[in-house]
């Protein structure tokens, strides 16, 4: 879920106007709205989170944070006003602190345990400013300085205020106030020369010098493309340069390599893309990037880490190593001089190993944890993250599977133990998981040590608790206005010992309020109360200052009585001076925000009859209905959830015959279907597996603990090879025609032999279509989370065809459940499969006995 934080310059200099007459602040607001429209074109924008920060004093600078919705964001954006100083450094610090508010609580930074690229909160910080001098209460600043002190606990664990998944981009407005006569230059937008440019480059972003509206639109298009999921890494070369490659693709030792000359590709500060999983939408990985220190139990505290890890690469060509089933992580590098140089070498079958300095215990450079390699098509360069010191581990694992057949000898175990000593402690858990995935024996002890001392672990837990309290304090102040000065400052005039009640002006003011004298505007000093409007009194409306009831004139008795009753009972709910009709006036932009209105409502009371179906609110659509709670005919098939049913011909629609059809029997192709409580159970092999509790009209589901009885209540086979319903006396022969017999429930045998006028003909094509739809529904149901499997058993009941067809569907469902690791569901399905196999075997035995007797 990308986080998009907009830092808007609200200093007084943003009031300057362009040649079109609009202020810089208006242009900034329009740029944000245009960015949101451009971003909305991408379907991935549905999970975006928007935040708004200004140049106000913290914590009042946060206008929209973690808890505010999109409507609040847009409202605060429109209400921004430009006033104050250009405190860019403090605003940037507040923005980064807001982004880092929950990182220590969630453990996403994983201090001391390696850096996981797949643990990230991709954030884009976009600031819009005019690029003028930085000002503060201390004066004008020539350089950009971020405050070192942060109210956020744990900020000392990282040297910089930002993290490796946070990038800063700046739109510096340089629009002229007078229309230019020179033609507009086309091409790329240059970077700005202000102090913020260097800060942007440090985080992995950049600045844009905006001089025209067309350039602003071009920059916004570029920023939309920058919203990518990834982390920034410093790639630096170690060792000599590689030998140049000739035109034939081979090493050319005769050409100089310029090993000591600095090249742009020697040091690159770029992003690696961390793609989310296509199924879950969340990045998935296995191996961390090692820390730049060796975790030790004797460390009193964790050394502060840099925001971006420094990954060194060796230019010695190596062969890419990988073995079957061993997981590895693959990240694509953002285009840079390094990727261009690797691709120009055209060597997709060689790689360069990568290291982190001081990550090993006995080696200063550390051991390789992966390699850089060009893609086979030479279109990009990928970073492969492997287990730490993988050149030693991979041959050992290869011998374990191919030579020792998962039964290692003493020599192999000694070599593996020697490898574990070179491994940082935080690699033991992912290595153990990887060996389990490969099917290897348990080679690592269960008592894993993270390598951190008890004091460090206690300190991290304490920081997490402190961060929760600080987070609640900051979030509570979001949207609040800075405190204003309360009261009127009264100048103390010397020599004035007279009290306020004896003051002539005060007594005069009292007379004007009580209506004893008329108010004369010439006597008021309008400059004394700047910002206030003087209200003209209506001559016909006199103040109500009655102290005696007999002073009220006769014609005003009813009106005065109404006012007295209202004041006594406090029946008026609107503000004094506000019209009652104005309470129902809502801005157009907020008319459809029904979710915000629901939040203000009190929690509803419990329903009188909880078994009755709940009705959805019909806000915006008076015809909206809850499909699951609809009342239906008892004879119709009813299954909770979405379904695509084919209406079977010959079914009567008369509600009068519903009671007589409650226990109807369907006969076709030598099999039986029985309607019970509104559902049809084909062939009876799951006739009792879905009791009425699963499919009642309220849509209530059966508890998981009752699923154990699903596979035990099946039909049994008669001695003559006829299918018999469990708990029923109805036998079915090999009738080819499909006849539906209906009779009273008192004589089920007679009802089976009877013939109903309406017949139900299911052709092979119809049966094939129904089975295809059931198969599609089974795949969807197995994917769902939870243990509500009754819908799956209901679908299996509706399979058309012989018992062998039903067995195939159960086996197919078991395979689907195995894909998604639904172990409990597999156990239930295996019981069903055992029942079907036992029925099939008994049927064959009876068939053989009948033939031998003949």
Foldseek 3Di string as FASTA:
>chain_A
DEEEEEEEEQAPQQQDAAQVGDGNLVVVLVLVVVLVVVLVVDPVCVPYHYWYAYPDDPPARTAGADPDDPVSVNVVSVPRHHHDFQQPQARVLNVLCRVCLCCLQVVLCVFLQFHDFLSDHQYEYEYEEQLDFGADPVGTDQARDHDPDDPAFPCQQEPDSHAFRYAYEYEHEPEHRHDDPDDDDDDAFDFDPHNCQVVRVVNAHGYGYDHDPVNSVVVSVVVSVVRARWGKAKEAEDDFADAAADPVLHGDNVDDDPRPDDDFLRIDTWIWGQAADPPPRGGDFQDGAFDQAFQAQPDLAGHRDYNHAYKYWYNDWDFDDDDPLQDKDKIWIDDDPNFVVQLVSVCQGTWIFIFGAHRWDPDRRAFTQWTWGAHPVSPTIMTIGHAGNVVQVRVLVVCCCPPVVLPDDPVSLVSVVVVVNGHRLSRPVSVQVSCVSVVHDRSDDPPGDNSYHPNHVVVSVVSSVVSVVVSVVSVVSHNDDDDDDDDDDDDDDPPPPDDPVPDPVNVVVVCCVQPVDPDDPVVDDQVVDPPDDDDDDDPVDHDDDDPDPVVDDPVCPVVVVVVVVCVVVVPDDDDVVDDPVCVPDDDPVCPPVVVVVVVPDDDDDDDPDVLQADFDDQVPHPPDGDPLQDDDQQQAAFDGDDADDDDWPLDDPDSVCSQQQQFKWKDAQQAIWTHHRHHIFTRQQQVPLQDCCCRPNRNDHDDLVVNVCRLVQTWAADLQLWTDHVVDPATTGRDHFIFMFTDHPPDVNVSNPHGDPGGTDQDPVNLVVLQVRLLVVLLVVLPDDDRRCSSNSSSLRPRDDDLVSSLVSLVVSLVSNVVVVVVVVNVSSVSSNVSSVVRVVSSVVSVVVVVVVD
